[in-house]
Amino acid sequence: MILHKAAVCLGTILLGSFALSAQTPSTDEVRCRDLARATLDGVSITSTTLNPAGPYNTPLFPGAPAPTFELPANCVVLGTADRHAGADGKAYGIGFELRLPLPWNERFLFQGGGGTDGVIRPALGLTGLASLPALAQGYAVVSTDAGHQGFTDLSFGHDQQARIDYAYRAVDRVTVIAKRLITEFYGKPPAKSYFVGCSNGGRQGMIAAQRFPSYFDGVVAGDPGFRLSYAAVAEAWDTQALIRIAPKDSGGNPILAQALTNDDLSLVAKAILDDCDEKDGLKDGIVDNPDGCHFNPVALECKQEQASQCLTSAKVGALKQVFDGAVNSRGDRVYSGWPWDPGIASPAWRFWKLGSSNSAVSNAMNVTLGFAALKGYFLLPYEPTFDPMKFDFDKDPERVRETAAFNDAVATEMDTFVGRGAKLLIYQGMADPVFSASDVIAYYRRLATENGGIEATRKWARLFLVPGMCHCGGGPALDQFDPLTAIVDWVEKGNAPDSMPAKGSSFPGRSRPLCAYPEQTRYKGTGSIDDAANFGCR
């Protein structure tokens, strides 16, 4: 009887083992699934999914072609931290996506956001036009919506906590959460941590370096909106200047997109090249010596009875007003001026400053996103009926000061960051129509002045200027480069990037070095002008 019971028991065990072996998930699946039970204060894990290795074939943006790259198997974790009911009655929380690759290279990358965030972008670690996504290289990658939902919904700006989360706190919380989950999944923390972002993501990177100096070993800040508050004021300045010269529709309403035609912008771009291209010693369609470029659009003003290949005095005046930068009636600077660059003729420049709508309802990003942000987030106290077209540059800049104090990444005291051996790499398009390259250069100079001079600062922070490049890419530029590899080599191998190799679709077959400021790219005098080997930095 005992033997019979034992046999039945053994048979049951064996049968159960067989059933389990047929259905038991893999160890990786179990590890991924178990992250849903991770205990983190204030954090709700909403899903964990193990994706198999294979091609990523989802468009990154609506209407964009699907990318073509292979991803390793990865555990995708979706969650929300610190849910709260806002003062406006809406539900808020810091949403995030973390992707954990198999295998893992023991590095962590925080993928910066963009615009006013409000959306969780796929945590792929897109770091430049010349490199594979970080996830495809084996990095664990996290992204966040920065504490609210809705890319164009600025109502979060009416809730104090949501404002704080967007400005800086989401970077703090998501970094800590991601590192905890990484340690839980792999059994050890990241060996090295990096932050890479462009636009508002660039601002977030600088926020990370300035306010959370122990979190990251390397930060890449591309076209950073580090003075986001005053850049929003500049958008109002530019739009007011351009709309004053815009032709009107049948109802008398100005059409912003027609303030400057494509022919106008091409004429200006050609004139900039004629005046400034050879200032670097080589006529090649690129202005590599912006300091030597002193273009004045007055040279294009129509002479008496001239009807073509010139600009009206009104258009010249508007261009000067925009490029000279926002000032008050006393001449005090509110925002930096802009460098003259042939990228002004790029559709990417028009996209922000002028738009393409042939109606009085503008689709320029300075208006659609910029005005909404100025009115809904930057200005205090909140005034729902405020009209940015009536922004008073004598009185109203004071109204963004409070937001700027906690939102903008303007600090220069970074002793802890530097003392840990961390590195900061900033890159900036010279034709960026959103955040002025002159403003970024001024910040870097101030950073150097307050940290022992340029050479001392270059030991841990470097700036790369990209001629012709608009906002985070585009324009007549060599905009395909790899800042992630540059920062990793600097942090982990001690190879400070004197230059970064670059290519661009605007110049097929051409390669050049992008030089670390204040050095500039120079032709050595012999060999093909399309071969980076024939150029140096000086």
Protein backbone atom coordinates (compact mmCIF):
# COMPACT_ATOMS: atom_id res chain seq x y z
CA MET A 1 0.00 0.00 0.00
CA ILE A 2 2.78 2.32 0.89
CA LEU A 3 4.61 1.40 -2.32
CA HIS A 4 1.46 2.02 -4.35
CA LYS A 5 0.94 5.45 -2.82
CA ALA A 6 4.59 6.25 -3.41
CA ALA A 7 4.30 5.22 -7.05
CA VAL A 8 1.19 7.33 -7.53
CA CYS A 9 2.90 10.26 -5.84
CA LEU A 10 6.02 9.86 -7.98
CA GLY A 11 3.88 9.61 -11.11
CA THR A 12 2.05 12.77 -10.16
CA ILE A 13 5.32 14.55 -9.58
CA LEU A 14 6.72 13.38 -12.89
CA LEU A 15 3.53 14.30 -14.74
CA GLY A 16 3.51 17.70 -13.05
CA SER A 17 7.15 18.23 -13.97
CA PHE A 18 6.41 17.36 -17.58
CA ALA A 19 3.50 19.81 -17.70
CA LEU A 20 5.59 22.51 -16.12
CA SER A 21 8.49 21.93 -18.48
CA ALA A 22 6.15 22.39 -21.42
CA GLN A 23 4.70 25.65 -20.08
CA THR A 24 7.28 27.13 -17.72
CA PRO A 25 8.46 30.52 -18.96
CA SER A 26 12.16 31.12 -19.46
CA THR A 27 14.31 32.47 -16.68
CA ASP A 28 14.46 35.82 -18.49
CA GLU A 29 10.67 35.93 -18.74
CA VAL A 30 10.36 35.19 -15.04
CA ARG A 31 12.89 37.89 -14.13
CA CYS A 32 11.05 40.38 -16.31
CA ARG A 33 7.64 39.42 -14.97
CA ASP A 34 8.88 39.60 -11.38
CA LEU A 35 9.78 43.27 -11.77
CA ALA A 36 6.04 43.97 -11.58
CA ARG A 37 6.31 43.04 -7.89
CA ALA A 38 9.27 45.32 -7.19
CA THR A 39 8.67 47.42 -4.08
CA LEU A 40 9.44 51.07 -4.72
CA ASP A 41 7.87 53.85 -2.67
CA GLY A 42 5.27 55.74 -4.65
CA VAL A 43 5.80 53.66 -7.79
CA SER A 44 3.23 51.59 -9.64
CA ILE A 45 4.55 49.14 -12.25
CA THR A 46 1.77 48.83 -14.82
CA SER A 47 3.29 46.22 -17.15
CA THR A 48 6.40 44.14 -17.83
CA THR A 49 6.92 42.47 -21.19
CA LEU A 50 9.84 40.50 -22.59
CA ASN A 51 10.27 41.40 -26.26
CA PRO A 52 12.16 38.92 -28.43
CA ALA A 53 15.20 40.00 -30.41
CA GLY A 54 14.38 41.32 -33.85
CA PRO A 55 13.86 44.39 -36.03
CA TYR A 56 12.24 47.53 -34.64
CA ASN A 57 9.65 48.57 -37.21
CA THR A 58 7.44 51.16 -35.55
CA PRO A 59 7.56 54.81 -36.76
CA LEU A 60 9.11 57.01 -34.09
CA PHE A 61 6.82 59.90 -35.01
CA PRO A 62 3.42 60.00 -36.75
CA GLY A 63 3.92 59.98 -40.50
CA ALA A 64 7.63 59.13 -40.26
CA PRO A 65 9.05 56.06 -42.00
CA ALA A 66 9.74 53.07 -39.78
CA PRO A 67 13.40 52.85 -38.74
CA THR A 68 15.52 49.87 -39.68
CA PHE A 69 17.64 48.49 -36.86
CA GLU A 70 17.83 45.26 -34.89
CA LEU A 71 17.18 45.18 -31.16
CA PRO A 72 18.25 42.54 -28.69
CA ALA A 73 15.68 40.80 -26.55
CA ASN A 74 14.60 43.32 -23.93
CA CYS A 75 12.36 43.55 -20.91
CA VAL A 76 10.05 46.56 -21.21
CA VAL A 77 8.87 48.03 -17.91
CA LEU A 78 6.13 50.65 -17.84
CA GLY A 79 5.29 52.50 -14.65
CA THR A 80 4.17 55.67 -12.96
CA ALA A 81 5.63 57.40 -9.94
CA ASP A 82 4.04 59.78 -7.46
CA ARG A 83 0.47 59.96 -8.73
CA HIS A 84 -1.41 62.95 -7.42
CA ALA A 85 -4.57 64.93 -8.04
CA GLY A 86 -3.64 68.35 -9.33
CA ALA A 87 -5.02 71.65 -8.16
CA ASP A 88 -6.91 71.65 -11.47
CA GLY A 89 -8.58 68.32 -10.61
CA LYS A 90 -6.58 66.35 -13.18
CA ALA A 91 -4.62 63.20 -12.41
CA TYR A 92 -0.83 63.52 -12.65
CA GLY A 93 2.12 61.18 -12.25
CA ILE A 94 5.64 60.69 -13.62
CA GLY A 95 5.32 58.06 -16.31
CA PHE A 96 8.37 56.12 -17.49
CA GLU A 97 9.49 53.31 -19.77
CA LEU A 98 12.59 51.25 -18.98
CA ARG A 99 14.07 48.75 -21.44
CA LEU A 100 16.49 46.14 -20.16
CA PRO A 101 18.44 44.38 -22.92
CA LEU A 102 19.74 40.82 -23.04
CA PRO A 103 22.69 40.80 -23.08
CA TRP A 104 23.53 43.97 -21.12
CA ASN A 105 26.75 45.99 -21.45
CA GLU A 106 26.45 47.16 -17.80
CA ARG A 107 25.70 50.75 -18.84
CA PHE A 108 22.59 52.87 -18.18
CA LEU A 109 21.34 55.66 -20.41
CA PHE A 110 18.64 58.23 -19.62
CA GLN A 111 17.01 59.34 -22.88
CA GLY A 112 16.04 63.00 -22.63
CA GLY A 113 12.64 64.30 -23.72
CA GLY A 114 11.61 67.13 -25.99
CA GLY A 115 9.29 70.12 -26.18
CA THR A 116 7.05 70.23 -23.15
CA ASP A 117 7.22 66.41 -22.92
CA GLY A 118 3.85 64.90 -21.97
CA VAL A 119 4.53 61.64 -23.81
CA ILE A 120 6.58 58.55 -23.02
CA ARG A 121 8.76 58.00 -26.06
CA PRO A 122 10.07 54.50 -26.76
CA ALA A 123 13.15 54.01 -24.60
CA LEU A 124 15.50 53.16 -27.46
CA GLY A 125 18.32 55.56 -26.67
CA LEU A 126 18.37 57.51 -29.92
CA THR A 127 21.53 59.56 -29.53
CA GLY A 128 22.46 60.86 -32.97
CA LEU A 129 22.04 60.36 -36.70
CA ALA A 130 25.31 58.44 -37.01
CA SER A 131 24.89 55.79 -34.33
CA LEU A 132 22.74 52.80 -33.49
CA PRO A 133 20.22 53.35 -30.68
CA ALA A 134 21.82 52.75 -27.31
CA LEU A 135 19.45 49.85 -26.63
CA ALA A 136 20.78 48.10 -29.74
CA GLN A 137 24.27 48.54 -28.29
CA GLY A 138 23.33 46.86 -25.02
CA TYR A 139 22.49 49.88 -22.81
CA ALA A 140 19.59 49.79 -20.37
CA VAL A 141 17.52 52.82 -21.40
CA VAL A 142 14.81 54.84 -19.66
CA SER A 143 12.50 57.62 -20.88
CA THR A 144 9.82 59.69 -19.16
CA ASP A 145 6.85 61.97 -19.83
CA ALA A 146 8.22 64.32 -17.11
CA GLY A 147 5.08 64.16 -15.00
CA HIS A 148 2.10 64.86 -17.25
CA GLN A 149 0.26 63.64 -20.32
CA GLY A 150 -0.31 65.56 -23.57
CA PHE A 151 2.46 66.94 -25.80
CA THR A 152 0.54 70.12 -26.66
CA ASP A 153 -1.53 70.30 -23.47
CA LEU A 154 0.00 72.99 -21.27
CA SER A 155 -2.66 72.77 -18.57
CA PHE A 156 -0.10 71.00 -16.36
CA GLY A 157 1.45 74.44 -15.95
CA HIS A 158 -1.39 75.37 -13.59
CA ASP A 159 -0.41 72.71 -11.03
CA GLN A 160 2.59 73.45 -8.81
CA GLN A 161 3.76 69.85 -8.42
CA ALA A 162 3.40 69.09 -12.14
CA ARG A 163 5.48 72.19 -12.93
CA ILE A 164 8.20 71.06 -10.55
CA ASP A 165 8.17 67.53 -11.98
CA TYR A 166 8.57 68.85 -15.53
CA ALA A 167 11.27 71.34 -14.58
CA TYR A 168 13.63 68.94 -12.78
CA ARG A 169 12.13 66.43 -10.38
CA ALA A 170 11.21 63.81 -12.99
CA VAL A 171 14.90 63.51 -13.89
CA ASP A 172 15.69 62.79 -10.24
CA ARG A 173 12.89 60.30 -9.59
CA VAL A 174 13.16 58.35 -12.83
CA THR A 175 16.94 58.02 -12.52
CA VAL A 176 16.67 56.56 -9.01
CA ILE A 177 13.80 54.24 -9.99
CA ALA A 178 15.57 53.02 -13.13
CA LYS A 179 18.78 52.22 -11.27
CA ARG A 180 16.83 50.29 -8.62
CA LEU A 181 15.04 48.22 -11.27
CA ILE A 182 18.27 47.63 -13.19
CA THR A 183 19.89 46.31 -10.01
CA GLU A 184 16.88 44.11 -9.32
CA PHE A 185 16.86 42.65 -12.83
CA TYR A 186 20.58 42.09 -13.41
CA GLY A 187 21.68 41.57 -9.82
CA LYS A 188 24.05 44.54 -9.88
CA PRO A 189 23.90 48.30 -10.53
CA PRO A 190 25.14 49.96 -13.72
CA ALA A 191 28.89 50.31 -13.97
CA LYS A 192 28.48 53.63 -15.81
CA SER A 193 25.52 55.96 -16.29
CA TYR A 194 24.90 58.44 -19.12
CA PHE A 195 22.34 61.09 -20.03
CA VAL A 196 21.78 62.00 -23.68
CA GLY A 197 19.17 64.47 -24.90
CA CYS A 198 18.50 67.24 -27.38
CA SER A 199 16.31 70.36 -27.14
CA ASN A 200 14.43 70.15 -23.82
CA GLY A 201 16.27 66.86 -23.40
CA GLY A 202 19.49 68.88 -23.60
CA ARG A 203 18.18 71.15 -20.86
CA GLN A 204 17.34 68.08 -18.78
CA GLY A 205 20.89 66.82 -19.26
CA MET A 206 22.31 70.10 -17.99
CA ILE A 207 19.83 70.00 -15.08
CA ALA A 208 21.16 66.54 -14.26
CA ALA A 209 24.79 67.72 -14.27
CA GLN A 210 24.02 70.85 -12.25
CA ARG A 211 21.50 69.56 -9.69
CA PHE A 212 22.13 65.82 -9.46
CA PRO A 213 25.90 65.70 -9.93
CA SER A 214 26.34 62.17 -8.52
CA TYR A 215 23.85 60.49 -10.90
CA PHE A 216 25.68 60.42 -14.23
CA ASP A 217 29.23 59.81 -15.39
CA GLY A 218 28.66 61.54 -18.72
CA VAL A 219 26.07 63.97 -20.05
CA VAL A 220 25.41 64.91 -23.68
CA ALA A 221 23.31 68.06 -24.08
CA GLY A 222 22.33 68.77 -27.67
CA ASP A 223 20.90 72.15 -28.76
CA PRO A 224 19.94 72.63 -25.12
CA GLY A 225 17.03 74.85 -24.16
CA PHE A 226 18.96 75.66 -21.01
CA ARG A 227 17.35 79.14 -20.83
CA LEU A 228 13.98 77.84 -21.89
CA SER A 229 12.02 80.59 -20.15
CA TYR A 230 13.70 83.45 -22.01
CA ALA A 231 13.83 81.52 -25.29
CA ALA A 232 10.02 81.50 -25.05
CA VAL A 233 10.12 85.29 -24.69
CA ALA A 234 12.36 85.45 -27.78
CA GLU A 235 9.77 83.46 -29.74
CA ALA A 236 7.26 86.21 -29.03
CA TRP A 237 9.82 88.84 -30.07
CA ASP A 238 10.56 87.11 -33.38
CA THR A 239 6.92 86.49 -34.22
CA GLN A 240 5.92 90.06 -33.48
CA ALA A 241 8.71 91.34 -35.73
CA LEU A 242 7.82 89.03 -38.62
CA ILE A 243 4.08 89.34 -38.44
CA ARG A 244 4.30 93.14 -38.71
CA ILE A 245 5.61 92.76 -42.26
CA ALA A 246 3.41 89.81 -43.26
CA PRO A 247 0.90 90.28 -46.11
CA LYS A 248 -2.74 90.07 -45.12
CA ASP A 249 -5.61 87.89 -46.24
CA SER A 250 -8.91 89.26 -47.53
CA GLY A 251 -10.05 89.82 -43.97
CA GLY A 252 -7.00 91.88 -43.07
CA ASN A 253 -5.35 89.13 -41.02
CA PRO A 254 -1.55 88.70 -41.38
CA ILE A 255 -0.19 85.47 -42.87
CA LEU A 256 3.02 84.78 -40.95
CA ALA A 257 4.37 82.19 -43.40
CA GLN A 258 4.46 84.79 -46.15
CA ALA A 259 6.42 87.40 -44.18
CA LEU A 260 9.54 86.02 -45.87
CA THR A 261 9.28 83.84 -48.96
CA ASN A 262 11.51 80.88 -49.72
CA ASP A 263 13.16 83.03 -52.39
CA ASP A 264 13.84 85.70 -49.76
CA LEU A 265 15.49 83.20 -47.45
CA SER A 266 17.53 81.65 -50.28
CA LEU A 267 18.73 85.12 -51.23
CA VAL A 268 19.84 85.76 -47.63
CA ALA A 269 21.55 82.35 -47.41
CA LYS A 270 23.49 82.99 -50.62
CA ALA A 271 24.53 86.43 -49.41
CA ILE A 272 25.76 84.97 -46.11
CA LEU A 273 27.88 82.43 -47.99
CA ASP A 274 29.23 85.10 -50.34
CA ASP A 275 30.23 87.22 -47.36
CA CYS A 276 31.38 84.59 -44.87
CA ASP A 277 32.13 81.24 -46.52
CA GLU A 278 35.78 81.97 -47.28
CA LYS A 279 36.47 83.51 -43.86
CA ASP A 280 37.70 80.04 -42.81
CA GLY A 281 40.07 79.87 -45.79
CA LEU A 282 37.95 77.59 -47.97
CA LYS A 283 34.88 78.17 -50.12
CA ASP A 284 32.86 75.01 -49.56
CA GLY A 285 29.28 75.98 -48.68
CA ILE A 286 29.94 75.93 -44.93
CA VAL A 287 30.62 78.84 -42.59
CA ASP A 288 33.31 77.35 -40.32
CA ASN A 289 34.43 80.69 -38.92
CA PRO A 290 31.28 82.24 -37.42
CA ASP A 291 33.35 84.69 -35.37
CA GLY A 292 34.58 86.21 -38.64
CA CYS A 293 31.09 86.49 -40.12
CA HIS A 294 29.69 90.01 -39.84
CA PHE A 295 26.91 89.81 -42.40
CA ASN A 296 24.48 92.74 -42.61
CA PRO A 297 21.21 92.25 -44.53
CA VAL A 298 21.18 95.96 -45.38
CA ALA A 299 23.39 94.97 -48.32
CA LEU A 300 20.33 93.23 -49.80
CA GLU A 301 17.97 96.19 -49.50
CA CYS A 302 16.36 97.11 -52.80
CA LYS A 303 17.82 100.16 -54.48
CA GLN A 304 15.64 102.65 -56.31
CA GLU A 305 13.54 100.91 -58.99
CA GLN A 306 15.13 97.49 -58.18
CA ALA A 307 12.40 94.85 -58.18
CA SER A 308 14.16 91.50 -57.87
CA GLN A 309 17.09 89.83 -56.10
CA CYS A 310 16.68 92.21 -53.18
CA LEU A 311 14.64 92.72 -50.02
CA THR A 312 12.29 95.52 -49.11
CA SER A 313 13.40 97.80 -46.31
CA ALA A 314 10.63 96.32 -44.14
CA LYS A 315 12.00 92.80 -44.61
CA VAL A 316 15.54 93.93 -43.91
CA GLY A 317 14.35 95.65 -40.76
CA ALA A 318 12.49 92.57 -39.55
CA LEU A 319 15.49 90.33 -40.17
CA LYS A 320 17.76 92.69 -38.25
CA GLN A 321 15.30 92.84 -35.39
CA VAL A 322 15.11 89.05 -35.17
CA PHE A 323 18.85 88.39 -35.47
CA ASP A 324 19.86 91.22 -33.14
CA GLY A 325 17.78 89.52 -30.41
CA ALA A 326 15.10 90.62 -27.98
CA VAL A 327 15.68 93.84 -26.03
CA ASN A 328 13.54 96.22 -24.03
CA SER A 329 12.98 99.87 -24.86
CA ARG A 330 16.17 100.83 -22.99
CA GLY A 331 18.22 98.45 -25.10
CA ASP A 332 18.76 95.98 -22.25
CA ARG A 333 19.11 92.46 -23.59
CA VAL A 334 16.28 90.03 -22.86
CA TYR A 335 17.61 87.17 -25.02
CA SER A 336 20.71 86.64 -27.15
CA GLY A 337 21.03 87.54 -30.78
CA TRP A 338 21.52 84.87 -33.45
CA PRO A 339 24.51 84.03 -35.69
CA TRP A 340 24.06 84.50 -39.43
CA ASP A 341 24.17 81.09 -41.06
CA PRO A 342 23.01 79.78 -44.48
CA GLY A 343 20.77 77.33 -42.64
CA ILE A 344 18.23 80.17 -42.64
CA ALA A 345 16.99 78.84 -46.00
CA SER A 346 16.31 75.36 -44.63
CA PRO A 347 12.72 74.10 -44.22
CA ALA A 348 13.76 73.26 -40.65
CA TRP A 349 14.33 76.99 -39.98
CA ARG A 350 11.01 77.95 -41.56
CA PHE A 351 9.25 75.23 -39.54
CA TRP A 352 9.90 77.15 -36.32
CA LYS A 353 9.99 80.82 -37.25
CA LEU A 354 7.45 81.11 -40.09
CA GLY A 355 5.58 77.88 -40.70
CA SER A 356 4.05 76.90 -44.00
CA SER A 357 0.35 77.75 -43.54
CA ASN A 358 -1.06 80.01 -46.23
CA SER A 359 -3.78 81.19 -43.90
CA ALA A 360 -3.84 83.51 -40.93
CA VAL A 361 -3.91 80.45 -38.67
CA SER A 362 -0.17 79.86 -38.29
CA ASN A 363 1.44 76.44 -37.93
CA ALA A 364 4.86 77.85 -37.03
CA MET A 365 6.16 76.06 -33.93
CA ASN A 366 7.06 79.41 -32.36
CA VAL A 367 3.32 80.09 -32.37
CA THR A 368 1.70 76.69 -31.80
CA LEU A 369 4.03 75.38 -29.12
CA GLY A 370 5.92 78.52 -28.14
CA PHE A 371 2.93 80.75 -27.44
CA ALA A 372 1.10 77.97 -25.59
CA ALA A 373 4.12 77.38 -23.37
CA LEU A 374 4.69 81.09 -22.74
CA LYS A 375 1.09 81.65 -21.73
CA GLY A 376 0.45 78.33 -19.99
CA TYR A 377 3.73 77.59 -18.21
CA PHE A 378 6.33 80.35 -18.18
CA LEU A 379 4.27 83.42 -17.28
CA LEU A 380 3.18 83.93 -13.69
CA PRO A 381 0.64 84.64 -12.45
CA TYR A 382 -1.31 82.52 -14.95
CA GLU A 383 -3.50 84.61 -17.22
CA PRO A 384 -5.65 82.45 -19.55
CA THR A 385 -6.53 85.35 -21.85
CA PHE A 386 -2.95 86.61 -22.25
CA ASP A 387 -2.00 87.37 -25.87
CA PRO A 388 1.72 86.75 -26.61
CA MET A 389 1.40 89.09 -29.59
CA LYS A 390 0.97 91.84 -27.00
CA PHE A 391 3.92 90.76 -24.86
CA ASP A 392 5.46 93.90 -23.35
CA PHE A 393 9.26 93.55 -23.38
CA ASP A 394 9.63 96.26 -20.75
CA LYS A 395 7.23 94.78 -18.18
CA ASP A 396 6.48 91.14 -19.01
CA PRO A 397 9.98 89.55 -18.86
CA GLU A 398 9.73 89.95 -15.08
CA ARG A 399 6.76 87.56 -15.20
CA VAL A 400 8.92 84.63 -16.35
CA ARG A 401 11.58 85.17 -13.67
CA GLU A 402 9.96 82.86 -11.11
CA THR A 403 9.64 79.97 -13.55
CA ALA A 404 13.16 80.56 -14.84
CA ALA A 405 14.53 80.26 -11.29
CA PHE A 406 13.60 76.57 -10.98
CA ASN A 407 13.31 75.57 -14.64
CA ASP A 408 16.40 76.94 -16.37
CA ALA A 409 19.79 75.19 -16.30
CA VAL A 410 22.10 78.17 -15.93
CA ALA A 411 24.30 77.16 -12.96
CA THR A 412 28.09 77.09 -13.32
CA GLU A 413 29.09 75.71 -9.89
CA MET A 414 29.71 72.03 -10.65
CA ASP A 415 32.48 71.00 -8.26
CA THR A 416 30.88 67.68 -7.30
CA PHE A 417 30.24 66.71 -10.92
CA VAL A 418 33.81 67.59 -11.88
CA GLY A 419 35.31 66.02 -8.77
CA ARG A 420 33.74 62.66 -9.62
CA GLY A 421 35.46 62.73 -13.01
CA ALA A 422 32.14 63.20 -14.85
CA LYS A 423 32.12 64.80 -18.30
CA LEU A 424 29.76 67.19 -20.13
CA LEU A 425 29.53 67.36 -23.92
CA ILE A 426 27.36 70.08 -25.47
CA TYR A 427 26.65 70.35 -29.20
CA GLN A 428 24.78 73.18 -30.90
CA GLY A 429 23.52 73.89 -34.40
CA MET A 430 24.63 77.30 -35.65
CA ALA A 431 21.36 77.69 -37.59
CA ASP A 432 19.14 76.54 -34.71
CA PRO A 433 15.98 78.69 -34.94
CA VAL A 434 14.76 77.79 -31.43
CA PHE A 435 17.71 78.19 -29.07
CA SER A 436 20.37 80.66 -30.15
CA ALA A 437 23.88 79.32 -30.66
CA SER A 438 25.11 82.70 -29.40
CA ASP A 439 23.28 82.05 -26.11
CA VAL A 440 24.89 78.62 -25.71
CA ILE A 441 28.35 80.03 -26.54
CA ALA A 442 27.84 82.78 -23.95
CA TYR A 443 26.95 80.18 -21.32
CA TYR A 444 30.02 78.08 -22.12
CA ARG A 445 32.26 81.14 -21.88
CA ARG A 446 30.74 81.97 -18.50
CA LEU A 447 31.19 78.37 -17.38
CA ALA A 448 34.86 78.63 -18.34
CA THR A 449 35.34 82.03 -16.69
CA GLU A 450 33.96 80.73 -13.41
CA ASN A 451 35.86 77.42 -13.52
CA GLY A 452 39.46 78.41 -14.14
CA GLY A 453 39.39 79.35 -17.82
CA ILE A 454 38.82 77.59 -21.15
CA GLU A 455 41.67 75.08 -20.88
CA ALA A 456 40.72 74.04 -17.35
CA THR A 457 37.06 73.70 -18.33
CA ARG A 458 37.86 71.70 -21.47
CA LYS A 459 39.18 68.95 -19.18
CA TRP A 460 35.56 68.11 -18.26
CA ALA A 461 33.19 70.14 -20.49
CA ARG A 462 33.39 70.62 -24.25
CA LEU A 463 31.22 72.47 -26.75
CA PHE A 464 30.85 71.49 -30.40
CA LEU A 465 29.32 73.94 -32.87
CA VAL A 466 27.72 72.48 -36.01
CA PRO A 467 27.64 74.97 -38.93
CA GLY A 468 24.44 74.93 -40.95
CA MET A 469 22.56 72.66 -38.55
CA CYS A 470 19.09 73.64 -37.44
CA HIS A 471 17.37 72.32 -34.32
CA CYS A 472 18.85 68.91 -33.40
CA GLY A 473 19.50 68.16 -37.08
CA GLY A 474 18.61 69.25 -40.57
CA GLY A 475 19.85 72.18 -42.62
CA PRO A 476 22.89 72.39 -44.94
CA ALA A 477 25.04 70.68 -42.35
CA LEU A 478 27.20 67.73 -41.44
CA ASP A 479 24.68 66.66 -38.84
CA GLN A 480 25.50 62.94 -38.66
CA PHE A 481 27.88 62.39 -35.74
CA ASP A 482 28.06 60.17 -32.68
CA PRO A 483 28.19 62.04 -29.35
CA LEU A 484 27.47 58.92 -27.29
CA THR A 485 30.65 57.15 -28.42
CA ALA A 486 32.56 60.39 -27.84
CA ILE A 487 31.36 60.78 -24.25
CA VAL A 488 31.86 57.09 -23.42
CA ASP A 489 35.43 57.12 -24.76
CA TRP A 490 36.09 60.26 -22.72
CA VAL A 491 34.62 58.87 -19.49
CA GLU A 492 35.89 55.29 -19.72
CA LYS A 493 39.14 55.59 -21.67
CA GLY A 494 40.20 59.16 -20.93
CA ASN A 495 40.11 60.09 -24.63
CA ALA A 496 38.97 63.71 -24.58
CA PRO A 497 37.18 64.48 -27.86
CA ASP A 498 39.19 67.13 -29.67
CA SER A 499 36.85 66.52 -32.59
CA MET A 500 33.98 64.32 -33.71
CA PRO A 501 33.80 62.89 -37.27
CA ALA A 502 30.71 64.09 -39.10
CA LYS A 503 28.83 63.54 -42.35
CA GLY A 504 25.55 64.86 -43.72
CA SER A 505 23.00 64.18 -46.44
CA SER A 506 23.29 67.81 -47.62
CA PHE A 507 26.89 67.11 -48.66
CA PRO A 508 26.98 63.55 -50.07
CA GLY A 509 30.38 61.92 -49.81
CA ARG A 510 31.80 64.61 -47.54
CA SER A 511 33.30 64.04 -44.09
CA ARG A 512 34.76 66.59 -41.70
CA PRO A 513 35.80 66.87 -38.09
CA LEU A 514 33.58 68.90 -35.76
CA CYS A 515 36.04 70.70 -33.51
CA ALA A 516 35.78 71.37 -29.79
CA TYR A 517 35.24 75.09 -29.14
CA PRO A 518 37.05 77.46 -29.40
CA GLU A 519 38.89 75.57 -32.13
CA GLN A 520 37.45 75.60 -35.65
CA THR A 521 37.69 73.24 -38.60
CA ARG A 522 40.44 74.22 -41.07
CA TYR A 523 41.57 72.79 -44.40
CA LYS A 524 45.22 71.66 -44.38
CA GLY A 525 45.70 72.94 -47.92
CA THR A 526 46.03 69.71 -49.91
CA GLY A 527 43.81 66.78 -50.85
CA SER A 528 40.09 66.42 -51.34
CA ILE A 529 37.94 68.93 -49.50
CA ASP A 530 35.44 66.11 -48.91
CA ASP A 531 37.87 63.99 -46.87
CA ALA A 532 38.08 64.60 -43.13
CA ALA A 533 41.71 63.46 -43.17
CA ASN A 534 42.61 66.72 -44.92
CA PHE A 535 41.21 68.91 -42.13
CA GLY A 536 42.33 69.75 -38.64
CA CYS A 537 41.23 71.85 -35.67
CA ARG A 538 42.83 75.15 -34.80
